[in-house]
């Protein structure tokens, strides 16, 4: 089983915090994207990122000085979003680190797919960005089915904890025999399940922690998750969607 999650926009660089084990598998593609972004003007890059001047200046400088092979931070410690704060990988025990290295995959517009201990450098490039690289219309076309193939290798069982922006890179290419299960974290309002962005991100991080602590080997094992007041609801779920309601 592979577990897929989204990256975070905010990243940090702490190369001496924890040793990286490997480089990302799609390093050549990341280098191609970096070369393309480095040729953009500041204004073009800001438009690509759709962000404030402060964030654009920081990331424009990052790309100009980028080194994809030195001064790297393990991916799982580099991303700083809410999901990663609630996952709290910095305090994982060795067996939990080993678990996520084997089972967890972070999807990325820049790196494609990274394993938790792959060395990465801070970047900004969301999957929805209109990066027309190598004759492609956007990053979805640039990556094609490569992300899917990287996470589906093995038994084709995938537990989806990623946002739709990223999960579509995998879900679009599913083939018969694959098992793709999406976890939904919501509240029941007027008989309908409604997800709230921040709470869902918190729950996704907690779910990764739960799976690592319990050594989950199958999507079924996720049903026991009860962190942050969530409980699995069988009657609202199906074979491809596990619904957890906050009580």
C-alpha atoms as a PDB file:
ATOM      1  CA  UNK A   1       0.000   0.000   0.000  1.00  0.00           C
ATOM      2  CA  UNK A   2       1.118   3.530  -0.815  1.00  0.00           C
ATOM      3  CA  UNK A   3      -0.256   6.605   0.950  1.00  0.00           C
ATOM      4  CA  UNK A   4      -0.317   9.826  -1.069  1.00  0.00           C
ATOM      5  CA  UNK A   5      -0.387  13.344   0.386  1.00  0.00           C
ATOM      6  CA  UNK A   6      -0.056  16.877  -0.950  1.00  0.00           C
ATOM      7  CA  UNK A   7       2.993  19.093  -0.382  1.00  0.00           C
ATOM      8  CA  UNK A   8       2.829  22.434   1.428  1.00  0.00           C
ATOM      9  CA  UNK A   9       3.485  25.881  -0.024  1.00  0.00           C
ATOM     10  CA  UNK A  10       5.663  26.914   2.908  1.00  0.00           C
ATOM     11  CA  UNK A  11       9.037  25.192   3.144  1.00  0.00           C
ATOM     12  CA  UNK A  12      12.194  25.443   5.200  1.00  0.00           C
ATOM     13  CA  UNK A  13      15.801  24.502   4.634  1.00  0.00           C
ATOM     14  CA  UNK A  14      17.632  22.739   7.475  1.00  0.00           C
ATOM     15  CA  UNK A  15      20.308  20.596   5.801  1.00  0.00           C
ATOM     16  CA  UNK A  16      21.962  19.588   9.072  1.00  0.00           C
ATOM     17  CA  UNK A  17      18.780  18.535  10.876  1.00  0.00           C
ATOM     18  CA  UNK A  18      18.513  14.938   9.637  1.00  0.00           C
ATOM     19  CA  UNK A  19      20.398  13.014   6.941  1.00  0.00           C
ATOM     20  CA  UNK A  20      18.790  12.616   3.516  1.00  0.00           C
ATOM     21  CA  UNK A  21      18.856   9.079   2.154  1.00  0.00           C
ATOM     22  CA  UNK A  22      18.330   9.608  -1.561  1.00  0.00           C
ATOM     23  CA  UNK A  23      17.566  12.152  -4.256  1.00  0.00           C
ATOM     24  CA  UNK A  24      14.054  12.363  -5.757  1.00  0.00           C
ATOM     25  CA  UNK A  25      13.410   9.842  -8.539  1.00  0.00           C
ATOM     26  CA  UNK A  26      12.393  12.526 -11.028  1.00  0.00           C
ATOM     27  CA  UNK A  27      15.414  14.771 -10.490  1.00  0.00           C
ATOM     28  CA  UNK A  28      15.968  15.214 -14.244  1.00  0.00           C
ATOM     29  CA  UNK A  29      12.411  16.509 -14.648  1.00  0.00           C
ATOM     30  CA  UNK A  30      12.826  18.840 -11.657  1.00  0.00           C
ATOM     31  CA  UNK A  31      15.994  20.202 -13.225  1.00  0.00           C
ATOM     32  CA  UNK A  32      14.104  20.781 -16.470  1.00  0.00           C
ATOM     33  CA  UNK A  33      11.432  22.733 -14.592  1.00  0.00           C
ATOM     34  CA  UNK A  34      14.043  24.715 -12.662  1.00  0.00           C
ATOM     35  CA  UNK A  35      15.833  25.673 -15.893  1.00  0.00           C
ATOM     36  CA  UNK A  36      12.533  26.871 -17.365  1.00  0.00           C
ATOM     37  CA  UNK A  37      11.633  28.961 -14.303  1.00  0.00           C
ATOM     38  CA  UNK A  38      15.117  30.468 -14.111  1.00  0.00           C
ATOM     39  CA  UNK A  39      14.604  31.923 -17.590  1.00  0.00           C
ATOM     40  CA  UNK A  40      11.423  33.758 -16.544  1.00  0.00           C
ATOM     41  CA  UNK A  41      11.455  37.434 -15.666  1.00  0.00           C
ATOM     42  CA  UNK A  42      10.468  38.359 -12.140  1.00  0.00           C
ATOM     43  CA  UNK A  43       7.039  39.492 -13.325  1.00  0.00           C
ATOM     44  CA  UNK A  44       6.465  36.266 -15.286  1.00  0.00           C
ATOM     45  CA  UNK A  45       7.460  34.192 -12.257  1.00  0.00           C
ATOM     46  CA  UNK A  46       5.152  36.172  -9.970  1.00  0.00           C
ATOM     47  CA  UNK A  47       2.271  35.612 -12.389  1.00  0.00           C
ATOM     48  CA  UNK A  48       3.061  31.893 -12.487  1.00  0.00           C
ATOM     49  CA  UNK A  49       3.011  31.693  -8.685  1.00  0.00           C
ATOM     50  CA  UNK A  50       0.073  34.092  -8.175  1.00  0.00           C
ATOM     51  CA  UNK A  51       1.441  35.356  -4.874  1.00  0.00           C
ATOM     52  CA  UNK A  52       2.481  38.505  -3.033  1.00  0.00           C
ATOM     53  CA  UNK A  53       5.642  40.460  -3.816  1.00  0.00           C
ATOM     54  CA  UNK A  54       7.328  39.225  -0.641  1.00  0.00           C
ATOM     55  CA  UNK A  55       6.731  35.557  -1.509  1.00  0.00           C
ATOM     56  CA  UNK A  56       7.608  36.105  -5.163  1.00  0.00           C
ATOM     57  CA  UNK A  57      10.926  37.793  -4.320  1.00  0.00           C
ATOM     58  CA  UNK A  58      11.884  34.990  -1.936  1.00  0.00           C
ATOM     59  CA  UNK A  59      11.108  32.264  -4.450  1.00  0.00           C
ATOM     60  CA  UNK A  60      12.579  34.092  -7.426  1.00  0.00           C
ATOM     61  CA  UNK A  61      15.844  34.261  -5.471  1.00  0.00           C
ATOM     62  CA  UNK A  62      15.524  30.584  -4.497  1.00  0.00           C
ATOM     63  CA  UNK A  63      15.325  29.512  -8.122  1.00  0.00           C
ATOM     64  CA  UNK A  64      18.197  31.721  -9.197  1.00  0.00           C
ATOM     65  CA  UNK A  65      20.441  30.157  -6.527  1.00  0.00           C
ATOM     66  CA  UNK A  66      18.978  26.642  -6.689  1.00  0.00           C
ATOM     67  CA  UNK A  67      21.156  23.558  -6.226  1.00  0.00           C
ATOM     68  CA  UNK A  68      19.217  20.297  -6.532  1.00  0.00           C
ATOM     69  CA  UNK A  69      21.967  18.077  -5.156  1.00  0.00           C
ATOM     70  CA  UNK A  70      23.547  19.915  -2.217  1.00  0.00           C
ATOM     71  CA  UNK A  71      22.366  21.538   1.011  1.00  0.00           C
ATOM     72  CA  UNK A  72      19.143  19.510   0.995  1.00  0.00           C
ATOM     73  CA  UNK A  73      16.547  18.777   3.682  1.00  0.00           C
ATOM     74  CA  UNK A  74      14.514  15.534   3.972  1.00  0.00           C
ATOM     75  CA  UNK A  75      11.164  16.253   2.319  1.00  0.00           C
ATOM     76  CA  UNK A  76       9.090  15.225   5.314  1.00  0.00           C
ATOM     77  CA  UNK A  77      10.868  17.882   7.419  1.00  0.00           C
ATOM     78  CA  UNK A  78      11.052  20.551   4.732  1.00  0.00           C
ATOM     79  CA  UNK A  79       7.311  21.086   4.222  1.00  0.00           C
ATOM     80  CA  UNK A  80       5.741  23.281   6.915  1.00  0.00           C
ATOM     81  CA  UNK A  81       1.989  23.305   6.258  1.00  0.00           C
ATOM     82  CA  UNK A  82      -0.770  22.451   8.731  1.00  0.00           C
ATOM     83  CA  UNK A  83      -0.856  18.836   7.593  1.00  0.00           C
ATOM     84  CA  UNK A  84       2.825  18.412   8.411  1.00  0.00           C
ATOM     85  CA  UNK A  85       2.510  20.208  11.748  1.00  0.00           C
ATOM     86  CA  UNK A  86      -0.140  17.711  12.863  1.00  0.00           C
ATOM     87  CA  UNK A  87       1.819  14.789  11.473  1.00  0.00           C
ATOM     88  CA  UNK A  88       4.812  15.963  13.560  1.00  0.00           C
ATOM     89  CA  UNK A  89       7.398  13.764  11.798  1.00  0.00           C
ATOM     90  CA  UNK A  90      10.291  15.357  13.703  1.00  0.00           C
ATOM     91  CA  UNK A  91       9.322  13.285  16.757  1.00  0.00           C
ATOM     92  CA  UNK A  92       8.695  10.004  14.911  1.00  0.00           C
ATOM     93  CA  UNK A  93      10.499   6.983  16.273  1.00  0.00           C
ATOM     94  CA  UNK A  94      12.768   5.015  13.945  1.00  0.00           C
ATOM     95  CA  UNK A  95      10.132   2.382  13.163  1.00  0.00           C
ATOM     96  CA  UNK A  96       7.682   5.144  12.170  1.00  0.00           C
ATOM     97  CA  UNK A  97      10.314   6.786   9.962  1.00  0.00           C
ATOM     98  CA  UNK A  98      10.922   3.406   8.296  1.00  0.00           C
ATOM     99  CA  UNK A  99       7.181   2.983   7.797  1.00  0.00           C
ATOM    100  CA  UNK A 100       6.611   6.318   6.064  1.00  0.00           C
ATOM    101  CA  UNK A 101       9.742   5.889   3.938  1.00  0.00           C
ATOM    102  CA  UNK A 102       8.263   2.663   2.583  1.00  0.00           C
ATOM    103  CA  UNK A 103       4.606   3.659   2.333  1.00  0.00           C
ATOM    104  CA  UNK A 104       4.248   7.463   2.148  1.00  0.00           C
ATOM    105  CA  UNK A 105       4.653   9.477  -1.064  1.00  0.00           C
ATOM    106  CA  UNK A 106       4.435  13.258  -1.307  1.00  0.00           C
ATOM    107  CA  UNK A 107       3.135  14.508  -4.652  1.00  0.00           C
ATOM    108  CA  UNK A 108       4.730  17.658  -6.026  1.00  0.00           C
ATOM    109  CA  UNK A 109       4.362  19.963  -8.997  1.00  0.00           C
ATOM    110  CA  UNK A 110       8.144  20.430  -9.029  1.00  0.00           C
ATOM    111  CA  UNK A 111       9.540  17.028  -8.012  1.00  0.00           C
ATOM    112  CA  UNK A 112       6.653  14.820  -9.172  1.00  0.00           C
ATOM    113  CA  UNK A 113       6.924  12.321  -6.324  1.00  0.00           C
ATOM    114  CA  UNK A 114       9.185  12.394  -3.299  1.00  0.00           C
ATOM    115  CA  UNK A 115       9.793   9.868  -0.560  1.00  0.00           C
ATOM    116  CA  UNK A 116       9.933  11.264   2.982  1.00  0.00           C
ATOM    117  CA  UNK A 117      13.722  11.085   3.274  1.00  0.00           C
ATOM    118  CA  UNK A 118      14.494  12.298  -0.246  1.00  0.00           C
ATOM    119  CA  UNK A 119      16.576  15.458  -0.145  1.00  0.00           C
ATOM    120  CA  UNK A 120      14.735  18.513  -1.452  1.00  0.00           C
ATOM    121  CA  UNK A 121      15.332  22.235  -1.652  1.00  0.00           C
ATOM    122  CA  UNK A 122      12.639  24.878  -1.049  1.00  0.00           C
ATOM    123  CA  UNK A 123      10.658  25.795  -4.159  1.00  0.00           C
ATOM    124  CA  UNK A 124       7.272  27.153  -5.138  1.00  0.00           C
ATOM    125  CA  UNK A 125       5.360  25.442  -7.924  1.00  0.00           C
ATOM    126  CA  UNK A 126       1.805  24.287  -7.408  1.00  0.00           C
ATOM    127  CA  UNK A 127       0.423  21.551  -9.625  1.00  0.00           C
ATOM    128  CA  UNK A 128      -2.240  23.907 -10.990  1.00  0.00           C
ATOM    129  CA  UNK A 129       0.336  26.456 -12.154  1.00  0.00           C
ATOM    130  CA  UNK A 130       0.211  27.206 -15.880  1.00  0.00           C
ATOM    131  CA  UNK A 131       3.782  26.154 -16.563  1.00  0.00           C
ATOM    132  CA  UNK A 132       4.005  25.459 -20.280  1.00  0.00           C
ATOM    133  CA  UNK A 133       7.258  23.499 -20.242  1.00  0.00           C
ATOM    134  CA  UNK A 134       8.615  21.479 -23.179  1.00  0.00           C
ATOM    135  CA  UNK A 135       5.576  22.190 -25.327  1.00  0.00           C
ATOM    136  CA  UNK A 136       3.027  21.108 -22.693  1.00  0.00           C
ATOM    137  CA  UNK A 137      -0.045  23.125 -21.679  1.00  0.00           C
ATOM    138  CA  UNK A 138       0.440  22.736 -17.924  1.00  0.00           C
ATOM    139  CA  UNK A 139       2.061  20.594 -15.244  1.00  0.00           C
ATOM    140  CA  UNK A 140      -0.596  17.898 -15.484  1.00  0.00           C
ATOM    141  CA  UNK A 141       0.386  17.356 -19.096  1.00  0.00           C
ATOM    142  CA  UNK A 142       4.097  17.708 -18.300  1.00  0.00           C
ATOM    143  CA  UNK A 143       3.953  14.919 -15.707  1.00  0.00           C
ATOM    144  CA  UNK A 144       1.502  12.726 -17.617  1.00  0.00           C
ATOM    145  CA  UNK A 145       1.230   9.278 -16.012  1.00  0.00           C
ATOM    146  CA  UNK A 146       4.696   9.301 -14.432  1.00  0.00           C
ATOM    147  CA  UNK A 147       3.421  10.210 -10.967  1.00  0.00           C
ATOM    148  CA  UNK A 148       0.776   7.481 -11.147  1.00  0.00           C
ATOM    149  CA  UNK A 149       3.290   4.844 -12.224  1.00  0.00           C
ATOM    150  CA  UNK A 150       5.654   5.791  -9.390  1.00  0.00           C
ATOM    151  CA  UNK A 151       3.020   5.393  -6.668  1.00  0.00           C
ATOM    152  CA  UNK A 152       1.113   2.450  -8.137  1.00  0.00           C
ATOM    153  CA  UNK A 153       4.119   0.151  -8.416  1.00  0.00           C
ATOM    154  CA  UNK A 154       3.684  -2.916  -6.261  1.00  0.00           C
ATOM    155  CA  UNK A 155       0.137  -4.064  -5.642  1.00  0.00           C
ATOM    156  CA  UNK A 156      -1.606  -0.957  -6.986  1.00  0.00           C
ATOM    157  CA  UNK A 157      -3.199  -0.174  -3.608  1.00  0.00           C
ATOM    158  CA  UNK A 158      -3.312   3.559  -2.862  1.00  0.00           C
ATOM    159  CA  UNK A 159      -4.740   5.367   0.174  1.00  0.00           C
ATOM    160  CA  UNK A 160      -5.478   8.907  -0.925  1.00  0.00           C
ATOM    161  CA  UNK A 161      -4.921  11.686   1.615  1.00  0.00           C
ATOM    162  CA  UNK A 162      -4.091  14.280  -1.050  1.00  0.00           C
ATOM    163  CA  UNK A 163      -6.164  17.243  -2.229  1.00  0.00           C
ATOM    164  CA  UNK A 164      -7.958  16.968  -5.575  1.00  0.00           C
ATOM    165  CA  UNK A 165      -5.335  19.245  -7.145  1.00  0.00           C
ATOM    166  CA  UNK A 166      -2.761  16.513  -6.589  1.00  0.00           C
ATOM    167  CA  UNK A 167      -4.747  13.285  -6.420  1.00  0.00           C
ATOM    168  CA  UNK A 168      -5.988  13.754  -9.994  1.00  0.00           C
ATOM    169  CA  UNK A 169      -2.395  13.100 -11.149  1.00  0.00           C
ATOM    170  CA  UNK A 170      -2.879   9.539  -9.914  1.00  0.00           C
ATOM    171  CA  UNK A 171      -6.604   8.900 -10.106  1.00  0.00           C
ATOM    172  CA  UNK A 172      -6.830   9.824 -13.793  1.00  0.00           C
ATOM    173  CA  UNK A 173      -4.575   6.944 -14.816  1.00  0.00           C
ATOM    174  CA  UNK A 174      -5.998   4.133 -12.696  1.00  0.00           C
ATOM    175  CA  UNK A 175      -6.275   0.752 -14.390  1.00  0.00           C
ATOM    176  CA  UNK A 176      -8.453  -2.279 -13.605  1.00  0.00           C
ATOM    177  CA  UNK A 177      -7.048  -4.074 -10.587  1.00  0.00           C
ATOM    178  CA  UNK A 178      -5.914  -0.916  -8.818  1.00  0.00           C
ATOM    179  CA  UNK A 179      -7.425  -0.121  -5.449  1.00  0.00           C
ATOM    180  CA  UNK A 180      -7.789   3.609  -4.816  1.00  0.00           C
ATOM    181  CA  UNK A 181      -9.383   4.676  -1.521  1.00  0.00           C
ATOM    182  CA  UNK A 182      -9.952   8.332  -0.613  1.00  0.00           C
ATOM    183  CA  UNK A 183     -10.323   9.440   2.998  1.00  0.00           C
ATOM    184  CA  UNK A 184     -12.879  12.195   3.596  1.00  0.00           C
ATOM    185  CA  UNK A 185     -12.815  14.156   6.855  1.00  0.00           C
ATOM    186  CA  UNK A 186     -15.941  16.192   7.403  1.00  0.00           C
ATOM    187  CA  UNK A 187     -18.896  17.223   9.471  1.00  0.00           C
ATOM    188  CA  UNK A 188     -22.483  16.118   9.012  1.00  0.00           C
ATOM    189  CA  UNK A 189     -24.726  19.120   8.259  1.00  0.00           C
ATOM    190  CA  UNK A 190     -28.343  18.650   7.205  1.00  0.00           C
ATOM    191  CA  UNK A 191     -27.551  15.081   6.240  1.00  0.00           C
ATOM    192  CA  UNK A 192     -24.626  16.085   4.000  1.00  0.00           C
ATOM    193  CA  UNK A 193     -20.916  15.582   4.572  1.00  0.00           C
ATOM    194  CA  UNK A 194     -19.068  18.887   4.378  1.00  0.00           C
ATOM    195  CA  UNK A 195     -15.282  19.201   4.475  1.00  0.00           C
ATOM    196  CA  UNK A 196     -13.525  22.259   5.876  1.00  0.00           C
ATOM    197  CA  UNK A 197     -10.084  22.857   4.414  1.00  0.00           C
ATOM    198  CA  UNK A 198      -8.063  23.521   7.547  1.00  0.00           C
ATOM    199  CA  UNK A 199      -9.692  20.753   9.586  1.00  0.00           C
ATOM    200  CA  UNK A 200      -9.219  18.276   6.737  1.00  0.00           C
ATOM    201  CA  UNK A 201      -5.510  19.142   6.516  1.00  0.00           C
ATOM    202  CA  UNK A 202      -5.139  18.620  10.254  1.00  0.00           C
ATOM    203  CA  UNK A 203      -6.861  15.244  10.015  1.00  0.00           C
ATOM    204  CA  UNK A 204      -4.740  14.115   7.075  1.00  0.00           C
ATOM    205  CA  UNK A 205      -1.585  14.796   9.060  1.00  0.00           C
ATOM    206  CA  UNK A 206      -2.962  12.969  12.079  1.00  0.00           C
ATOM    207  CA  UNK A 207      -3.993  10.057   9.846  1.00  0.00           C
ATOM    208  CA  UNK A 208      -0.425   9.638   8.556  1.00  0.00           C
ATOM    209  CA  UNK A 209       0.785   9.596  12.162  1.00  0.00           C
ATOM    210  CA  UNK A 210      -1.868   7.019  13.076  1.00  0.00           C
ATOM    211  CA  UNK A 211      -0.973   4.763  10.150  1.00  0.00           C
ATOM    212  CA  UNK A 212       2.733   4.961  11.001  1.00  0.00           C
ATOM    213  CA  UNK A 213       2.162   4.252  14.685  1.00  0.00           C
ATOM    214  CA  UNK A 214      -0.063   1.242  13.964  1.00  0.00           C
ATOM    215  CA  UNK A 215       1.986  -0.096  11.043  1.00  0.00           C
ATOM    216  CA  UNK A 216      -1.065  -0.133   8.760  1.00  0.00           C
ATOM    217  CA  UNK A 217      -0.685  -2.462   5.780  1.00  0.00           C
ATOM    218  CA  UNK A 218      -4.083  -2.073   4.090  1.00  0.00           C
ATOM    219  CA  UNK A 219      -6.619   0.750   3.620  1.00  0.00           C
ATOM    220  CA  UNK A 220      -8.991  -1.157   5.920  1.00  0.00           C
ATOM    221  CA  UNK A 221      -6.594  -0.424   8.771  1.00  0.00           C
ATOM    222  CA  UNK A 222      -7.372   3.292   8.441  1.00  0.00           C
ATOM    223  CA  UNK A 223     -10.925   2.735   9.674  1.00  0.00           C
ATOM    224  CA  UNK A 224      -9.753   2.642  13.295  1.00  0.00           C
ATOM    225  CA  UNK A 225      -8.624   6.293  13.127  1.00  0.00           C
ATOM    226  CA  UNK A 226     -10.151   8.312  15.963  1.00  0.00           C
ATOM    227  CA  UNK A 227      -7.914  11.367  16.370  1.00  0.00           C
ATOM    228  CA  UNK A 228      -9.255  14.940  16.665  1.00  0.00           C
ATOM    229  CA  UNK A 229     -12.736  13.621  17.400  1.00  0.00           C
ATOM    230  CA  UNK A 230     -13.197  11.872  14.040  1.00  0.00           C
ATOM    231  CA  UNK A 231     -14.865   8.482  13.726  1.00  0.00           C
ATOM    232  CA  UNK A 232     -15.258   6.244  10.686  1.00  0.00           C
ATOM    233  CA  UNK A 233     -18.853   6.053   9.491  1.00  0.00           C
ATOM    234  CA  UNK A 234     -19.583   2.828   7.623  1.00  0.00           C
ATOM    235  CA  UNK A 235     -23.042   3.922   6.482  1.00  0.00           C
ATOM    236  CA  UNK A 236     -21.636   7.016   4.737  1.00  0.00           C
ATOM    237  CA  UNK A 237     -18.691   5.218   3.174  1.00  0.00           C
ATOM    238  CA  UNK A 238     -18.123   3.001   0.169  1.00  0.00           C
ATOM    239  CA  UNK A 239     -15.343   0.772  -1.192  1.00  0.00           C
ATOM    240  CA  UNK A 240     -13.503   3.771  -2.683  1.00  0.00           C
ATOM    241  CA  UNK A 241     -14.328   6.427  -0.085  1.00  0.00           C
ATOM    242  CA  UNK A 242     -13.878   6.202   3.665  1.00  0.00           C
ATOM    243  CA  UNK A 243     -15.829   8.926   5.457  1.00  0.00           C
ATOM    244  CA  UNK A 244     -14.774  10.145   8.897  1.00  0.00           C
ATOM    245  CA  UNK A 245     -17.144  12.477  10.738  1.00  0.00           C
ATOM    246  CA  UNK A 246     -16.093  14.865  13.476  1.00  0.00           C
ATOM    247  CA  UNK A 247     -18.315  14.210  16.474  1.00  0.00           C
END
